[in-house]
Amino acid sequence: MQILQTILLYLIPFIIVIGVVITIHELGHFLAARALGTKVDRFAIGFGRPLAHWTDKLGTHWRIGWIPIGGYVRFAGDDNAASIPDADDLAAMRRQLVEEGRAAEIGSYFHFKPIWQRAIIVAAGPFANFLLAIAIFAALLFAFGEPISSTRIDAVTAGSPAAQAGFRKDDVILKVDGKSIRSFDELTEKVILSSDTPMTFLVKRGDGEITLTATPRRGVVYDKLGRPQKLGKLGLGHVTRPDEITIRRYNLPEAIVGGAQRTVSTISTTLVYIGRMIEGRERADQLAGPLGMAQLSGDLARHAADVSPDLATFVVNGLLTLFELIGVISVGIGFMNLLPVPVLDGGHLLFYGYEAVARRPLAAKVQAAGYRVGLALVLGLMLFATWNDLQRLRVFNLFGRLFS
C-alpha cells in the first residue's frame, strides 16, 4: 500500500510535469521546423524501449520512450557526421544528395537552411517553454485572481537583523530598495536572495513614514511545504489574516500581461541567484535535479491531499498545483536551454552567431570538441544537482543507519 501511495503521489506527478514541459519544448522545435519547410525525421519523447511509435504522412517517425526524461527532434541529415557540419561536410552532403538524384530535398535539410531560419528553429524550443509558462500563469490569474497579503509585521525576532535595524510590531513595509512592495510573499522573495546584502525599507509607522536599513542573515527558512532551506532571513513574523487578504481580479489582457511579468520575474530571480553563486554569496546546494523535481511534485501532491476534504477537491487542488509547477519548471527549462553551452540550444545559437560573422561554419573538429566540453559540463551539473537531491532526501544517513 505504501509503494502504491508513493507511485500515485510522487512518480505520476513527476512524469506529468516533466513530460508536459519536455513535450512542449520539442514541439516548439518541431512546429518551427515544419513552418519553415524543414524535413523532420524523428520526434522522440523519453528514451529507451518505445512504449508507442508511428510514422505520419509526412514521414516523421514519432516515438515515446519508457524513460520519461528528455526528448529530441532529429532533422533530415542529422543521422550522419554532418550533425556538426563544417563547409567541407556540407559540400559532401550536397554532392551525395545530387548523386542519389535527391537534389530536390536539399532545400528541406536543416543544415542548408539560412542562418536566421536555423536560429528560429533552435530558439523555438525555449520560446515554447516561455509561452507555456505565460499561458499557465495567465490562466490562473484570469480564473482565480491573485491573493495579496498585507505587509504588516506581526512579530520581530529578538536579536535578529530586523530587531537590530529597529523594526517594530505593526510596522507596514511600503518599499524595498526604492521599489513598492505589494505583499508579504513578495517581500520574502526579495529577502531570501539578499543574505549579507544591506536592504533599505520604507516603513509606515503610525501616521508617519521612516526609513530602516537591515542586512538579511543566512539562516534556515521554511517554505510553504515546511521544508528547510538556508537562505536570507530578517526575522520578521507575519500572520495572514482573512481580513488582510485582497484578491486582485484580472481580465484576459491583464492576465496575459501578468503571466508574462511572472515569467520574466522568475527568469530575473534565477539570474540573480546564479550571479550571487558566482560571486560566492549563495551556496549551490539549492540546485535540484530530477530527484529534487520528483520530490517537489510529490510533496505538492501530498500537500494538496492533506488540505482537501474529499477526492473531488483533491483532484482540483492537485491539478491546479501541478499546473503552476509546470509553469515554473517550464521557465527553468527554457532558461537553461538558452545558456551558451554546446549541446544546449544556446550553444547552437552561439555557433550560428560565429557563422553569421565569419560567413562560414565553425570547423567540425572545434564544434565536436565544444560539444564534448558542453556535455561534460551538463552531466557534471546533473551529477552535482543529483548529489544535492540525495543529501536533501537523507539517503546517505539512511545507508549509515542500515550498516551501523
Protein backbone atom coordinates (compact mmCIF):
# COMPACT_ATOMS: atom_id res chain seq x y z
CA MET A 1 0.00 0.00 0.00
CA GLN A 2 2.87 2.35 0.85
CA ILE A 3 4.51 1.66 -2.53
CA LEU A 4 1.23 2.38 -4.35
CA GLN A 5 0.82 5.65 -2.44
CA THR A 6 4.37 6.68 -3.33
CA ILE A 7 3.75 5.96 -7.01
CA LEU A 8 0.49 7.90 -7.00
CA LEU A 9 1.84 10.93 -5.11
CA TYR A 10 5.43 11.15 -6.39
CA LEU A 11 6.12 9.22 -9.58
CA ILE A 12 2.96 10.06 -11.54
CA PRO A 13 3.01 13.83 -10.81
CA PHE A 14 6.71 13.94 -11.76
CA ILE A 15 6.06 12.14 -15.05
CA ILE A 16 3.19 14.52 -15.84
CA VAL A 17 5.21 17.65 -15.03
CA ILE A 18 8.43 16.72 -16.83
CA GLY A 19 6.54 15.08 -19.71
CA VAL A 20 4.47 18.20 -20.44
CA VAL A 21 7.46 20.55 -20.19
CA ILE A 22 9.70 18.45 -22.46
CA THR A 23 6.94 17.75 -24.99
CA ILE A 24 6.14 21.45 -25.36
CA HIS A 25 9.85 22.25 -25.73
CA GLU A 26 10.33 19.72 -28.52
CA LEU A 27 7.05 20.73 -30.18
CA GLY A 28 8.46 24.25 -30.37
CA HIS A 29 11.41 22.98 -32.42
CA PHE A 30 9.15 20.71 -34.48
CA LEU A 31 6.48 23.27 -35.37
CA ALA A 32 9.05 25.93 -36.26
CA ALA A 33 10.86 23.43 -38.48
CA ARG A 34 7.67 22.41 -40.25
CA ALA A 35 6.64 26.06 -40.70
CA LEU A 36 9.99 26.80 -42.37
CA GLY A 37 9.85 23.77 -44.65
CA THR A 38 12.43 21.67 -42.81
CA LYS A 39 12.07 17.90 -43.01
CA VAL A 40 11.83 16.18 -39.63
CA ASP A 41 12.88 12.52 -39.50
CA ARG A 42 12.02 11.79 -35.85
CA PHE A 43 10.18 13.31 -32.90
CA ALA A 44 11.03 11.49 -29.67
CA ILE A 45 9.89 11.95 -26.09
CA GLY A 46 11.72 9.87 -23.50
CA PHE A 47 14.44 7.31 -24.07
CA GLY A 48 14.77 3.54 -24.00
CA ARG A 49 12.44 0.95 -25.49
CA PRO A 50 9.45 2.66 -27.17
CA LEU A 51 6.07 2.40 -25.50
CA ALA A 52 4.46 3.64 -28.71
CA HIS A 53 5.69 4.70 -32.14
CA TRP A 54 4.19 5.58 -35.52
CA THR A 55 5.03 7.42 -38.74
CA ASP A 56 2.89 10.30 -40.01
CA LYS A 57 2.03 11.05 -43.63
CA LEU A 58 4.97 13.47 -43.96
CA GLY A 59 7.47 10.79 -42.99
CA THR A 60 8.18 11.85 -39.41
CA HIS A 61 8.64 8.91 -37.05
CA TRP A 62 7.04 9.63 -33.66
CA ARG A 63 8.38 7.75 -30.66
CA ILE A 64 7.53 7.69 -26.93
CA GLY A 65 10.19 6.01 -24.78
CA TRP A 66 9.59 4.39 -21.41
CA ILE A 67 12.18 6.55 -19.60
CA PRO A 68 10.29 9.89 -19.26
CA ILE A 69 13.31 12.19 -19.12
CA GLY A 70 14.46 14.11 -22.17
CA GLY A 71 13.50 14.16 -25.80
CA TYR A 72 14.75 15.31 -29.16
CA VAL A 73 13.80 16.29 -32.71
CA ARG A 74 16.01 14.82 -35.42
CA PHE A 75 16.09 16.70 -38.70
CA ALA A 76 16.93 15.23 -42.09
CA GLY A 77 20.71 14.79 -42.33
CA ASP A 78 21.30 14.51 -38.58
CA ASP A 79 21.96 10.77 -38.80
CA ASN A 80 25.50 11.20 -40.14
CA ALA A 81 28.72 13.10 -39.46
CA ALA A 82 27.17 16.33 -40.74
CA SER A 83 25.23 16.70 -37.48
CA ILE A 84 28.09 19.06 -36.61
CA PRO A 85 28.99 20.16 -40.15
CA ASP A 86 31.65 22.48 -41.43
CA ALA A 87 31.93 23.76 -45.01
CA ASP A 88 33.51 20.50 -46.28
CA ASP A 89 30.84 18.34 -44.67
CA LEU A 90 28.06 20.44 -46.17
CA ALA A 91 29.64 20.23 -49.62
CA ALA A 92 29.97 16.44 -49.30
CA MET A 93 26.34 16.11 -48.21
CA ARG A 94 25.17 18.26 -51.10
CA ARG A 95 27.16 16.14 -53.62
CA GLN A 96 25.76 12.92 -52.16
CA LEU A 97 22.18 14.13 -52.47
CA VAL A 98 22.78 15.22 -56.07
CA GLU A 99 24.43 11.88 -56.96
CA GLU A 100 21.49 9.99 -55.46
CA GLY A 101 19.03 12.02 -57.50
CA ARG A 102 17.65 13.76 -54.40
CA ALA A 103 18.71 17.32 -55.21
CA ALA A 104 15.13 18.50 -54.64
CA GLU A 105 15.48 17.58 -50.96
CA ILE A 106 18.41 19.94 -50.36
CA GLY A 107 16.10 22.85 -49.55
CA SER A 108 14.35 20.85 -46.83
CA TYR A 109 17.55 19.87 -44.98
CA PHE A 110 18.12 21.77 -41.75
CA HIS A 111 21.83 22.36 -42.37
CA PHE A 112 21.17 24.02 -45.73
CA LYS A 113 18.67 26.48 -44.31
CA PRO A 114 19.69 30.15 -43.92
CA ILE A 115 21.20 31.01 -40.54
CA TRP A 116 18.17 33.02 -39.46
CA GLN A 117 15.85 30.07 -40.09
CA ARG A 118 18.10 27.65 -38.19
CA ALA A 119 18.27 30.13 -35.32
CA ILE A 120 14.46 30.41 -35.21
CA ILE A 121 14.07 26.63 -35.17
CA VAL A 122 16.60 26.25 -32.35
CA ALA A 123 15.23 29.15 -30.29
CA ALA A 124 11.64 27.92 -30.74
CA GLY A 125 12.10 25.24 -28.06
CA PRO A 126 12.89 27.59 -25.17
CA PHE A 127 10.40 30.12 -26.58
CA ALA A 128 7.67 27.44 -26.43
CA ASN A 129 8.55 26.83 -22.77
CA PHE A 130 8.17 30.53 -22.01
CA LEU A 131 4.84 30.65 -23.87
CA LEU A 132 3.62 27.64 -21.89
CA ALA A 133 4.54 29.36 -18.61
CA ILE A 134 2.85 32.60 -19.66
CA ALA A 135 -0.30 30.70 -20.67
CA ILE A 136 -0.45 28.81 -17.36
CA PHE A 137 0.20 31.85 -15.18
CA ALA A 138 -2.27 33.91 -17.20
CA ALA A 139 -4.95 31.21 -16.95
CA LEU A 140 -4.55 31.01 -13.17
CA LEU A 141 -4.71 34.79 -12.81
CA PHE A 142 -7.75 35.04 -15.06
CA ALA A 143 -9.62 32.20 -13.32
CA PHE A 144 -8.72 32.83 -9.68
CA GLY A 145 -7.11 36.24 -9.47
CA GLU A 146 -4.08 37.00 -7.29
CA PRO A 147 -4.25 36.90 -3.48
CA ILE A 148 -2.34 39.83 -1.98
CA SER A 149 -1.50 39.75 1.72
CA SER A 150 -0.70 42.71 3.94
CA THR A 151 2.94 43.72 4.55
CA ARG A 152 2.16 44.44 8.20
CA ILE A 153 4.66 42.94 10.67
CA ASP A 154 3.21 40.79 13.45
CA ALA A 155 6.43 39.95 15.28
CA VAL A 156 10.15 40.76 15.32
CA THR A 157 12.55 38.04 16.48
CA ALA A 158 14.82 39.22 19.28
CA GLY A 159 18.47 39.59 18.20
CA SER A 160 17.58 39.26 14.51
CA PRO A 161 18.73 41.66 11.77
CA ALA A 162 15.22 43.16 11.79
CA ALA A 163 15.39 43.82 15.53
CA GLN A 164 18.84 45.39 15.19
CA ALA A 165 17.54 47.61 12.39
CA GLY A 166 14.70 48.92 14.59
CA PHE A 167 11.64 47.17 13.13
CA ARG A 168 8.61 47.00 15.40
CA LYS A 169 5.39 45.05 15.56
CA ASP A 170 2.60 46.59 13.41
CA ASP A 171 5.08 48.35 11.09
CA VAL A 172 3.89 48.22 7.47
CA ILE A 173 6.58 47.88 4.78
CA LEU A 174 5.85 50.10 1.78
CA LYS A 175 9.03 49.88 -0.31
CA VAL A 176 12.19 47.77 -0.53
CA ASP A 177 15.28 49.37 -2.08
CA GLY A 178 13.08 52.09 -3.54
CA LYS A 179 10.56 49.73 -5.16
CA SER A 180 6.97 49.36 -3.96
CA ILE A 181 6.12 46.07 -2.29
CA ARG A 182 2.61 44.65 -2.62
CA SER A 183 2.56 41.57 -0.40
CA PHE A 184 4.49 39.82 2.33
CA ASP A 185 5.23 36.94 -0.07
CA GLU A 186 6.90 39.40 -2.44
CA LEU A 187 8.93 40.75 0.48
CA THR A 188 10.04 37.23 1.40
CA GLU A 189 11.16 36.53 -2.18
CA LYS A 190 13.42 39.57 -2.08
CA VAL A 191 14.85 38.87 1.37
CA ILE A 192 15.79 35.22 0.82
CA LEU A 193 18.07 36.16 -2.09
CA SER A 194 19.73 39.06 -0.28
CA SER A 195 21.72 37.43 2.54
CA ASP A 196 24.64 39.62 3.67
CA THR A 197 23.38 42.43 1.43
CA PRO A 198 22.07 45.64 3.06
CA MET A 199 18.46 46.45 2.13
CA THR A 200 16.63 49.75 2.58
CA PHE A 201 13.00 49.71 3.71
CA LEU A 202 10.42 52.48 3.67
CA VAL A 203 8.16 51.71 6.62
CA LYS A 204 4.83 53.17 7.70
CA ARG A 205 4.77 53.52 11.49
CA GLY A 206 1.65 55.04 12.95
CA ASP A 207 0.82 58.14 10.94
CA GLY A 208 4.36 58.68 9.67
CA GLU A 209 6.98 57.02 7.49
CA ILE A 210 10.56 56.12 8.36
CA THR A 211 13.48 54.51 6.54
CA LEU A 212 15.29 51.49 8.01
CA THR A 213 18.31 49.55 6.76
CA ALA A 214 18.71 45.85 7.52
CA THR A 215 21.01 43.10 6.27
CA PRO A 216 19.44 39.63 5.97
CA ARG A 217 21.45 36.90 7.66
CA ARG A 218 21.73 33.42 6.20
CA GLY A 219 19.59 31.02 8.19
CA VAL A 220 17.07 28.24 7.94
CA VAL A 221 13.96 29.35 6.05
CA TYR A 222 10.94 27.04 5.74
CA ASP A 223 8.96 27.04 2.52
CA LYS A 224 5.20 26.59 2.31
CA LEU A 225 5.65 22.81 2.49
CA GLY A 226 7.70 23.06 5.68
CA ARG A 227 10.99 22.12 4.00
CA PRO A 228 14.13 23.81 5.39
CA GLN A 229 16.46 25.84 3.16
CA LYS A 230 19.44 28.01 4.06
CA LEU A 231 18.66 31.45 2.62
CA GLY A 232 18.47 35.09 3.66
CA LYS A 233 16.43 35.81 6.78
CA LEU A 234 15.46 39.07 8.53
CA GLY A 235 13.49 37.79 11.50
CA LEU A 236 10.11 39.32 10.64
CA GLY A 237 6.96 37.43 11.55
CA HIS A 238 3.68 37.64 9.66
CA VAL A 239 0.32 36.01 10.25
CA THR A 240 -2.01 36.12 7.27
CA ARG A 241 -5.42 37.26 8.47
CA PRO A 242 -8.51 36.77 6.29
CA ASP A 243 -9.41 40.46 6.54
CA GLU A 244 -5.93 41.44 5.30
CA ILE A 245 -6.08 39.44 2.08
CA THR A 246 -7.38 41.08 -1.06
CA ILE A 247 -7.98 39.25 -4.33
CA ARG A 248 -6.93 41.20 -7.39
CA ARG A 249 -9.05 40.24 -10.38
CA TYR A 250 -7.68 40.22 -13.94
CA ASN A 251 -9.43 40.47 -17.28
CA LEU A 252 -7.90 38.45 -20.13
CA PRO A 253 -5.42 41.09 -21.45
CA GLU A 254 -4.33 41.92 -17.90
CA ALA A 255 -3.90 38.23 -17.12
CA ILE A 256 -1.68 37.72 -20.17
CA VAL A 257 0.47 40.69 -19.13
CA GLY A 258 0.56 39.35 -15.58
CA GLY A 259 1.58 35.91 -16.85
CA ALA A 260 4.41 37.47 -18.88
CA GLN A 261 5.53 39.51 -15.86
CA ARG A 262 5.56 36.38 -13.68
CA THR A 263 7.68 34.60 -16.30
CA VAL A 264 10.15 37.48 -16.55
CA SER A 265 10.28 37.71 -12.75
CA THR A 266 11.13 34.00 -12.50
CA ILE A 267 13.95 34.42 -15.02
CA SER A 268 15.21 37.51 -13.20
CA THR A 269 15.24 35.66 -9.88
CA THR A 270 17.19 32.81 -11.49
CA LEU A 271 19.76 35.25 -12.90
CA VAL A 272 20.15 36.93 -9.51
CA TYR A 273 20.71 33.58 -7.80
CA ILE A 274 23.26 32.44 -10.40
CA GLY A 275 25.07 35.78 -10.16
CA ARG A 276 25.24 35.53 -6.39
CA MET A 277 26.54 31.96 -6.65
CA ILE A 278 29.31 33.09 -9.00
CA GLU A 279 30.20 35.84 -6.52
CA GLY A 280 30.26 33.27 -3.71
CA ARG A 281 27.35 34.94 -1.89
CA GLU A 282 24.98 32.00 -2.30
CA ARG A 283 25.58 28.30 -1.94
CA ALA A 284 24.95 25.91 -4.82
CA ASP A 285 23.26 23.34 -2.59
CA GLN A 286 19.83 24.69 -3.59
CA LEU A 287 20.23 23.37 -7.15
CA ALA A 288 17.89 20.45 -7.78
CA GLY A 289 17.95 17.63 -10.29
CA PRO A 290 15.34 15.07 -11.42
CA LEU A 291 15.08 13.55 -7.94
CA GLY A 292 14.51 17.00 -6.47
CA MET A 293 11.80 17.76 -9.01
CA ALA A 294 10.17 14.39 -8.30
CA GLN A 295 10.25 15.12 -4.57
CA LEU A 296 8.81 18.62 -5.06
CA SER A 297 5.98 17.45 -7.32
CA GLY A 298 5.21 14.65 -4.87
CA ASP A 299 5.33 16.94 -1.83
CA LEU A 300 2.95 19.33 -3.55
CA ALA A 301 0.59 16.47 -4.40
CA ARG A 302 0.73 15.24 -0.81
CA HIS A 303 0.04 18.77 0.46
CA ALA A 304 -2.97 19.00 -1.86
CA ALA A 305 -4.21 15.70 -0.44
CA ASP A 306 -3.72 16.87 3.16
CA VAL A 307 -5.73 20.07 2.70
CA SER A 308 -8.52 18.50 0.63
CA PRO A 309 -11.59 17.21 2.49
CA ASP A 310 -12.70 14.87 -0.34
CA LEU A 311 -11.46 13.24 -3.53
CA ALA A 312 -13.01 15.80 -5.89
CA THR A 313 -11.36 18.69 -4.05
CA PHE A 314 -8.06 16.81 -4.04
CA VAL A 315 -8.22 16.31 -7.81
CA VAL A 316 -8.92 20.02 -8.39
CA ASN A 317 -6.24 21.21 -5.93
CA GLY A 318 -3.76 18.69 -7.27
CA LEU A 319 -4.27 19.72 -10.89
CA LEU A 320 -4.01 23.43 -10.09
CA THR A 321 -0.82 22.81 -8.08
CA LEU A 322 0.70 20.75 -10.89
CA PHE A 323 -0.23 23.43 -13.46
CA GLU A 324 1.64 26.07 -11.51
CA LEU A 325 4.63 23.77 -11.02
CA ILE A 326 4.68 23.03 -14.74
CA GLY A 327 4.80 26.77 -15.39
CA VAL A 328 7.73 27.34 -13.03
CA ILE A 329 9.74 24.36 -14.30
CA SER A 330 8.96 25.29 -17.91
CA VAL A 331 10.58 28.69 -17.32
CA GLY A 332 13.61 26.94 -15.80
CA ILE A 333 13.98 24.50 -18.71
CA GLY A 334 13.62 27.29 -21.25
CA PHE A 335 16.18 29.44 -19.48
CA MET A 336 18.67 26.59 -19.03
CA ASN A 337 18.49 25.67 -22.70
CA LEU A 338 19.37 29.22 -23.71
CA LEU A 339 22.68 29.12 -21.82
CA PRO A 340 25.60 29.45 -24.29
CA VAL A 341 26.79 25.89 -23.69
CA PRO A 342 27.35 23.49 -26.61
CA VAL A 343 24.77 20.62 -26.70
CA LEU A 344 22.17 23.10 -25.41
CA ASP A 345 20.11 25.34 -27.70
CA GLY A 346 22.09 28.37 -26.58
CA GLY A 347 25.30 26.67 -27.71
CA HIS A 348 23.85 26.15 -31.19
CA LEU A 349 22.85 29.81 -31.31
CA LEU A 350 26.40 30.73 -30.28
CA PHE A 351 27.81 28.72 -33.20
CA TYR A 352 25.32 30.36 -35.57
CA GLY A 353 26.48 33.75 -34.32
CA TYR A 354 30.04 32.82 -35.25
CA GLU A 355 28.86 31.57 -38.65
CA ALA A 356 27.00 34.82 -39.31
CA VAL A 357 30.11 36.89 -38.55
CA ALA A 358 32.71 34.62 -40.20
CA ARG A 359 30.38 33.70 -43.10
CA ARG A 360 31.25 30.02 -42.68
CA PRO A 361 30.50 27.36 -40.07
CA LEU A 362 32.94 26.74 -37.28
CA ALA A 363 35.32 23.85 -38.07
CA ALA A 364 33.69 20.47 -37.36
CA LYS A 365 36.56 19.44 -35.06
CA VAL A 366 36.10 22.60 -32.99
CA GLN A 367 32.34 22.04 -32.83
CA ALA A 368 32.85 18.43 -31.78
CA ALA A 369 35.28 19.48 -29.05
CA GLY A 370 32.83 22.12 -27.90
CA TYR A 371 30.04 19.55 -27.69
CA ARG A 372 32.21 17.20 -25.65
CA VAL A 373 33.05 20.01 -23.22
CA GLY A 374 29.42 21.11 -23.09
CA LEU A 375 28.24 17.55 -22.49
CA ALA A 376 30.74 17.20 -19.65
CA LEU A 377 29.51 20.46 -18.11
CA VAL A 378 25.85 19.45 -18.35
CA LEU A 379 26.50 15.95 -16.97
CA GLY A 380 28.62 17.44 -14.19
CA LEU A 381 25.82 19.84 -13.28
CA MET A 382 23.30 16.99 -13.33
CA LEU A 383 25.50 14.87 -11.05
CA PHE A 384 26.00 17.78 -8.67
CA ALA A 385 22.27 18.51 -8.58
CA THR A 386 21.55 14.81 -8.01
CA TRP A 387 24.06 14.80 -5.14
CA ASN A 388 22.15 17.74 -3.63
CA ASP A 389 18.90 15.80 -4.07
CA LEU A 390 20.34 12.77 -2.29
CA GLN A 391 21.57 14.97 0.54
CA ARG A 392 18.12 16.53 0.95
CA LEU A 393 16.49 13.11 0.89
CA ARG A 394 18.98 11.98 3.58
CA VAL A 395 19.82 8.87 1.55
CA PHE A 396 23.34 8.68 2.95
CA ASN A 397 22.03 8.95 6.51
CA LEU A 398 19.70 6.03 5.72
CA PHE A 399 22.60 3.92 4.45
CA GLY A 400 24.58 4.80 7.57
CA ARG A 401 21.76 3.57 9.80
CA LEU A 402 21.38 0.38 7.76
CA PHE A 403 25.04 -0.58 8.14
CA SER A 404 25.71 0.75 11.64
